[in-house]
Amino acid sequence: MRPISTEGFEKPNSLSAGAAPMLQWIKIVDLVADPAYQRPIIGKGRNNVGRIARAFSWSCFSPVVVAPVEGGKFAIIDGQHRTTAAALVGFESVPCQVVVAAREAQAAAFKAINGITTPISRMALHAAALVANEPWAAQVAEACACAEVEILKYPVPAGMQLPGKTMAVGAIARCLKHYGRETLITALQCVTQTANNIPGSLSARTIKALCEVLDGNRQWRDSGSALFEAFDLIDLSDIEERSGVDAATKKVGRVAAMVERIGAELTRLLPPDAVASQADEQLLTKQRKVFDFPRVSAASGTAISHPREDLKAKFHPLS
């Protein structure tokens, strides 16, 4: 047998371990799952429950990590699948490690445990990070809220996703970091504020292609409602479908193929001399929800209010 040794490891300079946990058996009826960060048990999760139940053994059952919540209940931080399996085979109680943690700390612990030890979707990680008030998650959520986009918390087939919902949290986070908030929000609105707002339309490829196109032509990006009128005439789903053949023919990536097609369509629909006049006329007739970003004067460094401020939809960051 090999004893535990710390030889060769570097001891941390500081430590904040929190209150020591307690170990106790808790009735399953007193255990609850917080949907803000816990995934529903569907798909592979249901298969996992069945697998654990069929081969159930206490020797393979690690304590469920829980935290006390109101009403005499305990929120499961880690272990809802094995707890469900224990209930399935007829057990009324399970061994638990009880930690004292506020809701934010519970979500952070869920993310730390599951993000390292078991596969977990980017959507679930984002949901947990948002509850834990991690800045990157809050920034992603704020940009999505401005564009009327909702990030799903678990996988849903594209055809069953409601308009405005997406699983592409990874692509959104990368685009926010690479292209910035203005470009990302406008790109998302090219779907949610146009005829393209259909189930499954907010794919990672489409979001990345839109950001690339708009970042490459800021006049298009800043043309307001005129841009959305143009996208009413552009079928993004068709462009994504065609991108497979385009990519193979031109030996480029599918996003690059989409960028080329979208750029060609915007060049046809939004010629430079027509952008300003179209934006003025169409904003008055359509009343679109156009996110109004403050423009900064190069001379003074101060923000310039938009002349159509009263017609713009107002958005505020999430608190």
C-alpha atoms as a PDB file:
ATOM      1  CA  MET A   1       0.000   0.000   0.000  1.00  0.00           C
ATOM      2  CA  ARG A   2       1.152   3.532  -0.732  1.00  0.00           C
ATOM      3  CA  PRO A   3       0.606   6.201   1.920  1.00  0.00           C
ATOM      4  CA  ILE A   4      -0.584   9.702   1.054  1.00  0.00           C
ATOM      5  CA  SER A   5       2.401  11.924   0.462  1.00  0.00           C
ATOM      6  CA  THR A   6       2.667  15.664  -0.228  1.00  0.00           C
ATOM      7  CA  GLU A   7       6.288  15.419  -1.341  1.00  0.00           C
ATOM      8  CA  GLY A   8       6.948  17.447  -4.471  1.00  0.00           C
ATOM      9  CA  PHE A   9       3.749  19.491  -4.205  1.00  0.00           C
ATOM     10  CA  GLU A  10       3.697  23.235  -3.606  1.00  0.00           C
ATOM     11  CA  LYS A  11       1.609  24.308  -0.625  1.00  0.00           C
ATOM     12  CA  PRO A  12      -0.823  27.180  -1.392  1.00  0.00           C
ATOM     13  CA  ASN A  13       0.093  30.541   0.069  1.00  0.00           C
ATOM     14  CA  SER A  14      -3.427  31.116   1.356  1.00  0.00           C
ATOM     15  CA  LEU A  15      -6.454  28.978   2.123  1.00  0.00           C
ATOM     16  CA  SER A  16     -10.172  29.706   2.491  1.00  0.00           C
ATOM     17  CA  ALA A  17     -11.753  26.297   3.078  1.00  0.00           C
ATOM     18  CA  GLY A  18     -14.987  27.510   4.679  1.00  0.00           C
ATOM     19  CA  ALA A  19     -16.840  25.738   7.467  1.00  0.00           C
ATOM     20  CA  ALA A  20     -16.059  22.043   7.964  1.00  0.00           C
ATOM     21  CA  PRO A  21     -18.766  19.803   6.441  1.00  0.00           C
ATOM     22  CA  MET A  22     -20.876  17.295   8.375  1.00  0.00           C
ATOM     23  CA  LEU A  23     -21.642  13.737   7.299  1.00  0.00           C
ATOM     24  CA  GLN A  24     -25.128  12.376   7.896  1.00  0.00           C
ATOM     25  CA  TRP A  25     -27.866  10.246   6.381  1.00  0.00           C
ATOM     26  CA  ILE A  26     -30.724  12.370   5.003  1.00  0.00           C
ATOM     27  CA  LYS A  27     -34.122  11.262   3.755  1.00  0.00           C
ATOM     28  CA  ILE A  28     -34.457  11.573  -0.024  1.00  0.00           C
ATOM     29  CA  VAL A  29     -37.797  13.370   0.354  1.00  0.00           C
ATOM     30  CA  ASP A  30     -35.902  16.204   2.048  1.00  0.00           C
ATOM     31  CA  LEU A  31     -33.483  16.647  -0.881  1.00  0.00           C
ATOM     32  CA  VAL A  32     -34.252  19.148  -3.667  1.00  0.00           C
ATOM     33  CA  ALA A  33     -32.558  20.307  -6.894  1.00  0.00           C
ATOM     34  CA  ASP A  34     -32.218  24.024  -7.701  1.00  0.00           C
ATOM     35  CA  PRO A  35     -33.152  24.395 -11.420  1.00  0.00           C
ATOM     36  CA  ALA A  36     -31.083  27.573 -11.645  1.00  0.00           C
ATOM     37  CA  TYR A  37     -27.913  25.498 -11.882  1.00  0.00           C
ATOM     38  CA  GLN A  38     -28.942  21.832 -11.729  1.00  0.00           C
ATOM     39  CA  ARG A  39     -29.663  20.143 -15.044  1.00  0.00           C
ATOM     40  CA  PRO A  40     -32.974  18.323 -15.539  1.00  0.00           C
ATOM     41  CA  ILE A  41     -32.529  14.566 -15.811  1.00  0.00           C
ATOM     42  CA  ILE A  42     -33.071  13.933 -19.519  1.00  0.00           C
ATOM     43  CA  GLY A  43     -31.310  12.091 -22.327  1.00  0.00           C
ATOM     44  CA  LYS A  44     -27.968  10.735 -21.156  1.00  0.00           C
ATOM     45  CA  GLY A  45     -28.869  11.729 -17.601  1.00  0.00           C
ATOM     46  CA  ARG A  46     -31.777   9.273 -17.569  1.00  0.00           C
ATOM     47  CA  ASN A  47     -29.487   6.582 -18.966  1.00  0.00           C
ATOM     48  CA  ASN A  48     -27.013   7.295 -16.164  1.00  0.00           C
ATOM     49  CA  VAL A  49     -29.716   6.914 -13.522  1.00  0.00           C
ATOM     50  CA  GLY A  50     -30.731   3.558 -14.996  1.00  0.00           C
ATOM     51  CA  ARG A  51     -27.118   2.402 -15.172  1.00  0.00           C
ATOM     52  CA  ILE A  52     -26.457   3.323 -11.525  1.00  0.00           C
ATOM     53  CA  ALA A  53     -29.694   1.666 -10.380  1.00  0.00           C
ATOM     54  CA  ARG A  54     -28.999  -1.605 -12.212  1.00  0.00           C
ATOM     55  CA  ALA A  55     -25.552  -1.912 -10.655  1.00  0.00           C
ATOM     56  CA  PHE A  56     -26.339  -0.163  -7.363  1.00  0.00           C
ATOM     57  CA  SER A  57     -23.766  -0.708  -4.611  1.00  0.00           C
ATOM     58  CA  TRP A  58     -23.054   1.379  -1.535  1.00  0.00           C
ATOM     59  CA  SER A  59     -19.350   0.774  -2.102  1.00  0.00           C
ATOM     60  CA  CYS A  60     -19.642   2.830  -5.310  1.00  0.00           C
ATOM     61  CA  PHE A  61     -21.905   5.494  -3.798  1.00  0.00           C
ATOM     62  CA  SER A  62     -20.023   8.622  -2.762  1.00  0.00           C
ATOM     63  CA  PRO A  63     -21.792  10.997  -0.352  1.00  0.00           C
ATOM     64  CA  VAL A  64     -24.190  13.463  -1.933  1.00  0.00           C
ATOM     65  CA  VAL A  65     -22.991  17.050  -1.466  1.00  0.00           C
ATOM     66  CA  VAL A  66     -25.855  19.170  -0.138  1.00  0.00           C
ATOM     67  CA  ALA A  67     -26.486  22.524   1.523  1.00  0.00           C
ATOM     68  CA  PRO A  68     -29.331  23.411   3.904  1.00  0.00           C
ATOM     69  CA  VAL A  69     -32.030  25.665   2.439  1.00  0.00           C
ATOM     70  CA  GLU A  70     -35.288  27.064   3.745  1.00  0.00           C
ATOM     71  CA  GLY A  71     -38.132  24.790   4.741  1.00  0.00           C
ATOM     72  CA  GLY A  72     -35.918  22.158   6.324  1.00  0.00           C
ATOM     73  CA  LYS A  73     -34.779  20.929   2.911  1.00  0.00           C
ATOM     74  CA  PHE A  74     -31.307  20.380   1.482  1.00  0.00           C
ATOM     75  CA  ALA A  75     -30.267  21.511  -2.004  1.00  0.00           C
ATOM     76  CA  ILE A  76     -28.242  18.932  -3.911  1.00  0.00           C
ATOM     77  CA  ILE A  77     -24.973  20.429  -5.145  1.00  0.00           C
ATOM     78  CA  ASP A  78     -23.616  17.142  -6.489  1.00  0.00           C
ATOM     79  CA  GLY A  79     -25.319  13.763  -6.700  1.00  0.00           C
ATOM     80  CA  GLN A  80     -28.849  14.142  -8.066  1.00  0.00           C
ATOM     81  CA  HIS A  81     -28.376  11.218 -10.488  1.00  0.00           C
ATOM     82  CA  ARG A  82     -27.166   8.739  -7.854  1.00  0.00           C
ATOM     83  CA  THR A  83     -29.785   9.995  -5.405  1.00  0.00           C
ATOM     84  CA  THR A  84     -32.507   9.398  -7.995  1.00  0.00           C
ATOM     85  CA  ALA A  85     -31.085   5.916  -8.613  1.00  0.00           C
ATOM     86  CA  ALA A  86     -31.152   5.175  -4.870  1.00  0.00           C
ATOM     87  CA  ALA A  87     -34.801   6.236  -4.738  1.00  0.00           C
ATOM     88  CA  LEU A  88     -35.522   4.104  -7.815  1.00  0.00           C
ATOM     89  CA  VAL A  89     -34.235   0.917  -6.169  1.00  0.00           C
ATOM     90  CA  GLY A  90     -36.195   1.631  -2.990  1.00  0.00           C
ATOM     91  CA  PHE A  91     -33.861   3.381  -0.524  1.00  0.00           C
ATOM     92  CA  GLU A  92     -35.362   6.173   1.576  1.00  0.00           C
ATOM     93  CA  SER A  93     -32.134   7.855   2.741  1.00  0.00           C
ATOM     94  CA  VAL A  94     -28.672   8.508   1.338  1.00  0.00           C
ATOM     95  CA  PRO A  95     -25.356   9.503   2.938  1.00  0.00           C
ATOM     96  CA  CYS A  96     -24.698  13.217   2.528  1.00  0.00           C
ATOM     97  CA  GLN A  97     -21.894  15.674   3.016  1.00  0.00           C
ATOM     98  CA  VAL A  98     -23.599  18.774   4.374  1.00  0.00           C
ATOM     99  CA  VAL A  99     -21.860  22.071   3.654  1.00  0.00           C
ATOM    100  CA  VAL A 100     -22.937  25.547   4.708  1.00  0.00           C
ATOM    101  CA  ALA A 101     -23.116  27.577   1.492  1.00  0.00           C
ATOM    102  CA  ALA A 102     -25.231  30.409   0.123  1.00  0.00           C
ATOM    103  CA  ARG A 103     -26.904  29.908  -3.247  1.00  0.00           C
ATOM    104  CA  GLU A 104     -24.062  31.547  -5.165  1.00  0.00           C
ATOM    105  CA  ALA A 105     -21.520  29.325  -3.436  1.00  0.00           C
ATOM    106  CA  GLN A 106     -23.690  26.272  -4.163  1.00  0.00           C
ATOM    107  CA  ALA A 107     -23.675  27.086  -7.889  1.00  0.00           C
ATOM    108  CA  ALA A 108     -19.929  27.707  -7.847  1.00  0.00           C
ATOM    109  CA  ALA A 109     -19.380  24.348  -6.110  1.00  0.00           C
ATOM    110  CA  PHE A 110     -21.618  22.579  -8.652  1.00  0.00           C
ATOM    111  CA  LYS A 111     -19.582  24.102 -11.483  1.00  0.00           C
ATOM    112  CA  ALA A 112     -16.254  23.198  -9.869  1.00  0.00           C
ATOM    113  CA  ILE A 113     -17.227  19.587  -9.109  1.00  0.00           C
ATOM    114  CA  ASN A 114     -19.035  18.755 -12.344  1.00  0.00           C
ATOM    115  CA  GLY A 115     -16.891  20.806 -14.676  1.00  0.00           C
ATOM    116  CA  ILE A 116     -13.810  18.838 -13.635  1.00  0.00           C
ATOM    117  CA  THR A 117     -15.015  15.333 -12.915  1.00  0.00           C
ATOM    118  CA  THR A 118     -17.797  14.652 -15.439  1.00  0.00           C
ATOM    119  CA  PRO A 119     -18.756  15.924 -18.884  1.00  0.00           C
ATOM    120  CA  ILE A 120     -21.075  18.901 -18.601  1.00  0.00           C
ATOM    121  CA  SER A 121     -22.500  21.094 -21.322  1.00  0.00           C
ATOM    122  CA  ARG A 122     -21.374  24.685 -21.820  1.00  0.00           C
ATOM    123  CA  MET A 123     -24.995  25.689 -21.251  1.00  0.00           C
ATOM    124  CA  ALA A 124     -25.089  24.130 -17.791  1.00  0.00           C
ATOM    125  CA  LEU A 125     -21.707  25.637 -16.925  1.00  0.00           C
ATOM    126  CA  HIS A 126     -22.930  29.075 -18.008  1.00  0.00           C
ATOM    127  CA  ALA A 127     -26.112  28.733 -15.943  1.00  0.00           C
ATOM    128  CA  ALA A 128     -24.096  27.820 -12.857  1.00  0.00           C
ATOM    129  CA  ALA A 129     -21.556  30.576 -13.506  1.00  0.00           C
ATOM    130  CA  LEU A 130     -24.392  33.080 -13.830  1.00  0.00           C
ATOM    131  CA  VAL A 131     -25.859  32.102 -10.456  1.00  0.00           C
ATOM    132  CA  ALA A 132     -22.337  32.379  -9.018  1.00  0.00           C
ATOM    133  CA  ASN A 133     -22.080  35.926 -10.436  1.00  0.00           C
ATOM    134  CA  GLU A 134     -19.017  35.217 -12.563  1.00  0.00           C
ATOM    135  CA  PRO A 135     -18.337  38.321 -14.721  1.00  0.00           C
ATOM    136  CA  TRP A 136     -18.024  36.538 -18.068  1.00  0.00           C
ATOM    137  CA  ALA A 137     -21.375  34.800 -17.595  1.00  0.00           C
ATOM    138  CA  ALA A 138     -23.093  38.039 -16.584  1.00  0.00           C
ATOM    139  CA  GLN A 139     -21.667  39.828 -19.641  1.00  0.00           C
ATOM    140  CA  VAL A 140     -22.892  37.081 -21.952  1.00  0.00           C
ATOM    141  CA  ALA A 141     -26.343  37.124 -20.345  1.00  0.00           C
ATOM    142  CA  GLU A 142     -26.562  40.925 -20.603  1.00  0.00           C
ATOM    143  CA  ALA A 143     -25.678  40.922 -24.303  1.00  0.00           C
ATOM    144  CA  CYS A 144     -28.212  38.170 -24.960  1.00  0.00           C
ATOM    145  CA  ALA A 145     -30.923  40.015 -23.039  1.00  0.00           C
ATOM    146  CA  CYS A 146     -30.328  43.135 -25.115  1.00  0.00           C
ATOM    147  CA  ALA A 147     -30.861  41.087 -28.275  1.00  0.00           C
ATOM    148  CA  GLU A 148     -33.827  39.157 -26.848  1.00  0.00           C
ATOM    149  CA  VAL A 149     -31.896  35.885 -26.906  1.00  0.00           C
ATOM    150  CA  GLU A 150     -32.194  33.189 -24.244  1.00  0.00           C
ATOM    151  CA  ILE A 151     -29.457  30.611 -23.673  1.00  0.00           C
ATOM    152  CA  LEU A 152     -30.903  27.171 -23.045  1.00  0.00           C
ATOM    153  CA  LYS A 153     -29.769  25.324 -19.925  1.00  0.00           C
ATOM    154  CA  TYR A 154     -29.752  21.882 -21.539  1.00  0.00           C
ATOM    155  CA  PRO A 155     -29.665  20.434 -25.080  1.00  0.00           C
ATOM    156  CA  VAL A 156     -32.807  20.753 -27.196  1.00  0.00           C
ATOM    157  CA  PRO A 157     -33.030  19.548 -30.829  1.00  0.00           C
ATOM    158  CA  ALA A 158     -32.751  22.514 -33.214  1.00  0.00           C
ATOM    159  CA  GLY A 159     -36.204  21.987 -34.651  1.00  0.00           C
ATOM    160  CA  MET A 160     -37.766  22.050 -31.180  1.00  0.00           C
ATOM    161  CA  GLN A 161     -36.057  25.235 -29.986  1.00  0.00           C
ATOM    162  CA  LEU A 162     -38.373  28.214 -29.701  1.00  0.00           C
ATOM    163  CA  PRO A 163     -37.421  31.359 -31.665  1.00  0.00           C
ATOM    164  CA  GLY A 164     -34.815  33.406 -29.839  1.00  0.00           C
ATOM    165  CA  LYS A 165     -33.415  30.429 -27.918  1.00  0.00           C
ATOM    166  CA  THR A 166     -29.946  29.006 -28.514  1.00  0.00           C
ATOM    167  CA  MET A 167     -27.484  26.403 -27.276  1.00  0.00           C
ATOM    168  CA  ALA A 168     -24.498  28.307 -28.750  1.00  0.00           C
ATOM    169  CA  VAL A 169     -23.224  29.818 -25.498  1.00  0.00           C
ATOM    170  CA  GLY A 170     -19.622  28.939 -26.386  1.00  0.00           C
ATOM    171  CA  ALA A 171     -19.811  30.775 -29.705  1.00  0.00           C
ATOM    172  CA  ILE A 172     -21.526  33.750 -28.072  1.00  0.00           C
ATOM    173  CA  ALA A 173     -18.871  34.013 -25.352  1.00  0.00           C
ATOM    174  CA  ARG A 174     -16.047  33.820 -27.907  1.00  0.00           C
ATOM    175  CA  CYS A 175     -17.685  36.386 -30.194  1.00  0.00           C
ATOM    176  CA  LEU A 176     -18.226  38.767 -27.277  1.00  0.00           C
ATOM    177  CA  LYS A 177     -14.550  38.544 -26.397  1.00  0.00           C
ATOM    178  CA  HIS A 178     -13.271  38.772 -29.983  1.00  0.00           C
ATOM    179  CA  TYR A 179     -15.682  41.215 -31.640  1.00  0.00           C
ATOM    180  CA  GLY A 180     -17.099  43.169 -28.712  1.00  0.00           C
ATOM    181  CA  ARG A 181     -20.529  43.857 -27.297  1.00  0.00           C
ATOM    182  CA  GLU A 182     -21.854  46.117 -30.087  1.00  0.00           C
ATOM    183  CA  THR A 183     -21.090  43.673 -32.872  1.00  0.00           C
ATOM    184  CA  LEU A 184     -22.425  40.665 -30.965  1.00  0.00           C
ATOM    185  CA  ILE A 185     -25.730  42.299 -29.992  1.00  0.00           C
ATOM    186  CA  THR A 186     -26.336  43.563 -33.528  1.00  0.00           C
ATOM    187  CA  ALA A 187     -25.459  40.165 -34.988  1.00  0.00           C
ATOM    188  CA  LEU A 188     -27.943  38.438 -32.686  1.00  0.00           C
ATOM    189  CA  GLN A 189     -30.602  41.002 -33.564  1.00  0.00           C
ATOM    190  CA  CYS A 190     -30.112  40.223 -37.254  1.00  0.00           C
ATOM    191  CA  VAL A 191     -31.902  37.016 -36.298  1.00  0.00           C
ATOM    192  CA  THR A 192     -34.280  38.003 -33.491  1.00  0.00           C
ATOM    193  CA  GLN A 193     -35.510  41.236 -35.131  1.00  0.00           C
ATOM    194  CA  THR A 194     -35.980  39.786 -38.615  1.00  0.00           C
ATOM    195  CA  ALA A 195     -37.804  37.082 -40.526  1.00  0.00           C
ATOM    196  CA  ASN A 196     -34.938  34.735 -39.610  1.00  0.00           C
ATOM    197  CA  ASN A 197     -36.208  34.364 -36.041  1.00  0.00           C
ATOM    198  CA  ILE A 198     -37.343  30.757 -36.421  1.00  0.00           C
ATOM    199  CA  PRO A 199     -36.617  27.580 -34.414  1.00  0.00           C
ATOM    200  CA  GLY A 200     -32.951  26.576 -34.535  1.00  0.00           C
ATOM    201  CA  SER A 201     -31.805  29.734 -36.331  1.00  0.00           C
ATOM    202  CA  LEU A 202     -29.341  30.865 -33.653  1.00  0.00           C
ATOM    203  CA  SER A 203     -26.689  28.268 -34.429  1.00  0.00           C
ATOM    204  CA  ALA A 204     -23.025  28.730 -33.569  1.00  0.00           C
ATOM    205  CA  ARG A 205     -22.095  28.966 -37.265  1.00  0.00           C
ATOM    206  CA  THR A 206     -24.681  31.646 -37.968  1.00  0.00           C
ATOM    207  CA  ILE A 207     -23.688  33.739 -34.955  1.00  0.00           C
ATOM    208  CA  LYS A 208     -19.984  33.555 -35.804  1.00  0.00           C
ATOM    209  CA  ALA A 209     -20.600  34.365 -39.482  1.00  0.00           C
ATOM    210  CA  LEU A 210     -22.804  37.367 -38.660  1.00  0.00           C
ATOM    211  CA  CYS A 211     -20.229  38.757 -36.226  1.00  0.00           C
ATOM    212  CA  GLU A 212     -17.453  38.373 -38.799  1.00  0.00           C
ATOM    213  CA  VAL A 213     -19.483  40.141 -41.495  1.00  0.00           C
ATOM    214  CA  LEU A 214     -20.576  43.048 -39.289  1.00  0.00           C
ATOM    215  CA  ASP A 215     -17.165  43.496 -37.724  1.00  0.00           C
ATOM    216  CA  GLY A 216     -15.709  43.773 -41.228  1.00  0.00           C
ATOM    217  CA  ASN A 217     -18.166  46.493 -42.249  1.00  0.00           C
ATOM    218  CA  ARG A 218     -19.084  48.842 -39.419  1.00  0.00           C
ATOM    219  CA  GLN A 219     -21.347  50.911 -41.725  1.00  0.00           C
ATOM    220  CA  TRP A 220     -23.602  47.884 -42.128  1.00  0.00           C
ATOM    221  CA  ARG A 221     -23.445  47.152 -38.419  1.00  0.00           C
ATOM    222  CA  ASP A 222     -24.467  50.687 -37.487  1.00  0.00           C
ATOM    223  CA  SER A 223     -27.211  51.122 -40.107  1.00  0.00           C
ATOM    224  CA  GLY A 224     -29.997  50.367 -37.649  1.00  0.00           C
ATOM    225  CA  SER A 225     -33.349  49.233 -38.954  1.00  0.00           C
ATOM    226  CA  ALA A 226     -32.108  49.283 -42.551  1.00  0.00           C
ATOM    227  CA  LEU A 227     -29.860  46.346 -41.678  1.00  0.00           C
ATOM    228  CA  PHE A 228     -32.777  44.360 -40.300  1.00  0.00           C
ATOM    229  CA  GLU A 229     -34.900  45.143 -43.372  1.00  0.00           C
ATOM    230  CA  ALA A 230     -32.108  43.690 -45.489  1.00  0.00           C
ATOM    231  CA  PHE A 231     -31.987  40.540 -43.370  1.00  0.00           C
ATOM    232  CA  ASP A 232     -35.730  40.100 -43.874  1.00  0.00           C
ATOM    233  CA  LEU A 233     -34.747  39.305 -47.460  1.00  0.00           C
ATOM    234  CA  ILE A 234     -31.811  37.033 -46.539  1.00  0.00           C
ATOM    235  CA  ASP A 235     -32.534  33.407 -45.651  1.00  0.00           C
ATOM    236  CA  LEU A 236     -29.844  32.565 -43.090  1.00  0.00           C
ATOM    237  CA  SER A 237     -31.023  28.972 -42.705  1.00  0.00           C
ATOM    238  CA  ASP A 238     -30.656  28.433 -46.447  1.00  0.00           C
ATOM    239  CA  ILE A 239     -27.204  30.020 -46.388  1.00  0.00           C
ATOM    240  CA  GLU A 240     -26.100  27.717 -43.570  1.00  0.00           C
ATOM    241  CA  GLU A 241     -27.463  24.697 -45.414  1.00  0.00           C
ATOM    242  CA  ARG A 242     -25.639  25.699 -48.629  1.00  0.00           C
ATOM    243  CA  SER A 243     -22.418  26.369 -46.704  1.00  0.00           C
ATOM    244  CA  GLY A 244     -21.575  22.669 -46.674  1.00  0.00           C
ATOM    245  CA  VAL A 245     -21.359  22.499 -50.469  1.00  0.00           C
ATOM    246  CA  ASP A 246     -19.705  25.928 -50.693  1.00  0.00           C
ATOM    247  CA  ALA A 247     -17.040  24.923 -48.170  1.00  0.00           C
ATOM    248  CA  ALA A 248     -16.250  21.692 -49.991  1.00  0.00           C
ATOM    249  CA  THR A 249     -16.136  23.404 -53.391  1.00  0.00           C
ATOM    250  CA  LYS A 250     -13.983  26.352 -52.304  1.00  0.00           C
ATOM    251  CA  LYS A 251     -11.980  24.404 -49.721  1.00  0.00           C
ATOM    252  CA  VAL A 252     -12.798  26.800 -46.889  1.00  0.00           C
ATOM    253  CA  GLY A 253     -14.554  26.421 -43.543  1.00  0.00           C
ATOM    254  CA  ARG A 254     -18.337  26.545 -43.394  1.00  0.00           C
ATOM    255  CA  VAL A 255     -18.338  29.797 -41.399  1.00  0.00           C
ATOM    256  CA  ALA A 256     -16.105  31.399 -44.049  1.00  0.00           C
ATOM    257  CA  ALA A 257     -18.491  30.177 -46.741  1.00  0.00           C
ATOM    258  CA  MET A 258     -21.422  31.755 -44.889  1.00  0.00           C
ATOM    259  CA  VAL A 259     -19.511  35.013 -44.444  1.00  0.00           C
ATOM    260  CA  GLU A 260     -18.984  35.227 -48.198  1.00  0.00           C
ATOM    261  CA  ARG A 261     -22.652  34.639 -49.042  1.00  0.00           C
ATOM    262  CA  ILE A 262     -23.977  37.014 -46.355  1.00  0.00           C
ATOM    263  CA  GLY A 263     -21.519  39.702 -47.439  1.00  0.00           C
ATOM    264  CA  ALA A 264     -22.604  39.381 -51.071  1.00  0.00           C
ATOM    265  CA  GLU A 265     -26.269  39.691 -50.101  1.00  0.00           C
ATOM    266  CA  LEU A 266     -25.656  42.786 -47.961  1.00  0.00           C
ATOM    267  CA  THR A 267     -23.596  44.380 -50.711  1.00  0.00           C
ATOM    268  CA  ARG A 268     -26.583  43.956 -53.022  1.00  0.00           C
ATOM    269  CA  LEU A 269     -29.208  45.073 -50.516  1.00  0.00           C
ATOM    270  CA  LEU A 270     -27.291  47.805 -48.666  1.00  0.00           C
ATOM    271  CA  PRO A 271     -25.213  49.867 -51.105  1.00  0.00           C
ATOM    272  CA  PRO A 272     -23.246  52.598 -49.275  1.00  0.00           C
ATOM    273  CA  ASP A 273     -25.228  55.518 -50.669  1.00  0.00           C
ATOM    274  CA  ALA A 274     -28.540  53.983 -49.588  1.00  0.00           C
ATOM    275  CA  VAL A 275     -27.797  52.912 -46.025  1.00  0.00           C
ATOM    276  CA  ALA A 276     -28.494  56.231 -44.281  1.00  0.00           C
ATOM    277  CA  SER A 277     -31.692  57.120 -46.149  1.00  0.00           C
ATOM    278  CA  GLN A 278     -33.102  53.593 -45.803  1.00  0.00           C
ATOM    279  CA  ALA A 279     -32.404  53.556 -42.069  1.00  0.00           C
ATOM    280  CA  ASP A 280     -34.270  56.845 -41.551  1.00  0.00           C
ATOM    281  CA  GLU A 281     -37.334  55.789 -43.515  1.00  0.00           C
ATOM    282  CA  GLN A 282     -37.618  52.229 -42.266  1.00  0.00           C
ATOM    283  CA  LEU A 283     -37.141  53.020 -38.578  1.00  0.00           C
ATOM    284  CA  LEU A 284     -40.177  55.269 -38.756  1.00  0.00           C
ATOM    285  CA  THR A 285     -42.344  52.613 -40.412  1.00  0.00           C
ATOM    286  CA  LYS A 286     -41.235  49.414 -38.698  1.00  0.00           C
ATOM    287  CA  GLN A 287     -40.486  50.578 -35.151  1.00  0.00           C
ATOM    288  CA  ARG A 288     -37.897  47.830 -34.766  1.00  0.00           C
ATOM    289  CA  LYS A 289     -36.117  47.244 -31.480  1.00  0.00           C
ATOM    290  CA  VAL A 290     -32.761  48.661 -32.532  1.00  0.00           C
ATOM    291  CA  PHE A 291     -30.176  48.719 -29.777  1.00  0.00           C
ATOM    292  CA  ASP A 292     -28.809  52.246 -29.583  1.00  0.00           C
ATOM    293  CA  PHE A 293     -25.095  52.291 -28.788  1.00  0.00           C
ATOM    294  CA  PRO A 294     -23.696  55.697 -27.809  1.00  0.00           C
ATOM    295  CA  ARG A 295     -21.319  57.040 -30.432  1.00  0.00           C
ATOM    296  CA  VAL A 296     -18.155  58.745 -29.180  1.00  0.00           C
ATOM    297  CA  SER A 297     -16.855  61.960 -30.711  1.00  0.00           C
ATOM    298  CA  ALA A 298     -13.215  61.615 -31.739  1.00  0.00           C
ATOM    299  CA  ALA A 299     -12.637  65.306 -31.013  1.00  0.00           C
ATOM    300  CA  SER A 300     -14.159  65.564 -27.551  1.00  0.00           C
ATOM    301  CA  GLY A 301     -14.200  61.948 -26.394  1.00  0.00           C
ATOM    302  CA  THR A 302     -17.786  62.406 -25.202  1.00  0.00           C
ATOM    303  CA  ALA A 303     -20.821  60.320 -26.141  1.00  0.00           C
ATOM    304  CA  ILE A 304     -23.078  61.663 -28.904  1.00  0.00           C
ATOM    305  CA  SER A 305     -26.805  61.106 -28.479  1.00  0.00           C
ATOM    306  CA  HIS A 306     -28.578  59.575 -31.446  1.00  0.00           C
ATOM    307  CA  PRO A 307     -30.908  61.965 -33.342  1.00  0.00           C
ATOM    308  CA  ARG A 308     -33.655  59.287 -33.318  1.00  0.00           C
ATOM    309  CA  GLU A 309     -33.213  58.495 -29.622  1.00  0.00           C
ATOM    310  CA  ASP A 310     -36.965  58.604 -28.969  1.00  0.00           C
ATOM    311  CA  LEU A 311     -37.593  55.847 -31.509  1.00  0.00           C
ATOM    312  CA  LYS A 312     -34.973  53.474 -30.169  1.00  0.00           C
ATOM    313  CA  ALA A 313     -35.795  50.636 -27.794  1.00  0.00           C
ATOM    314  CA  LYS A 314     -34.259  51.053 -24.370  1.00  0.00           C
ATOM    315  CA  PHE A 315     -32.235  48.240 -22.862  1.00  0.00           C
ATOM    316  CA  HIS A 316     -30.524  48.056 -19.510  1.00  0.00           C
ATOM    317  CA  PRO A 317     -27.819  45.652 -18.233  1.00  0.00           C
ATOM    318  CA  LEU A 318     -29.035  42.848 -16.008  1.00  0.00           C
ATOM    319  CA  SER A 319     -28.767  43.690 -12.318  1.00  0.00           C
END
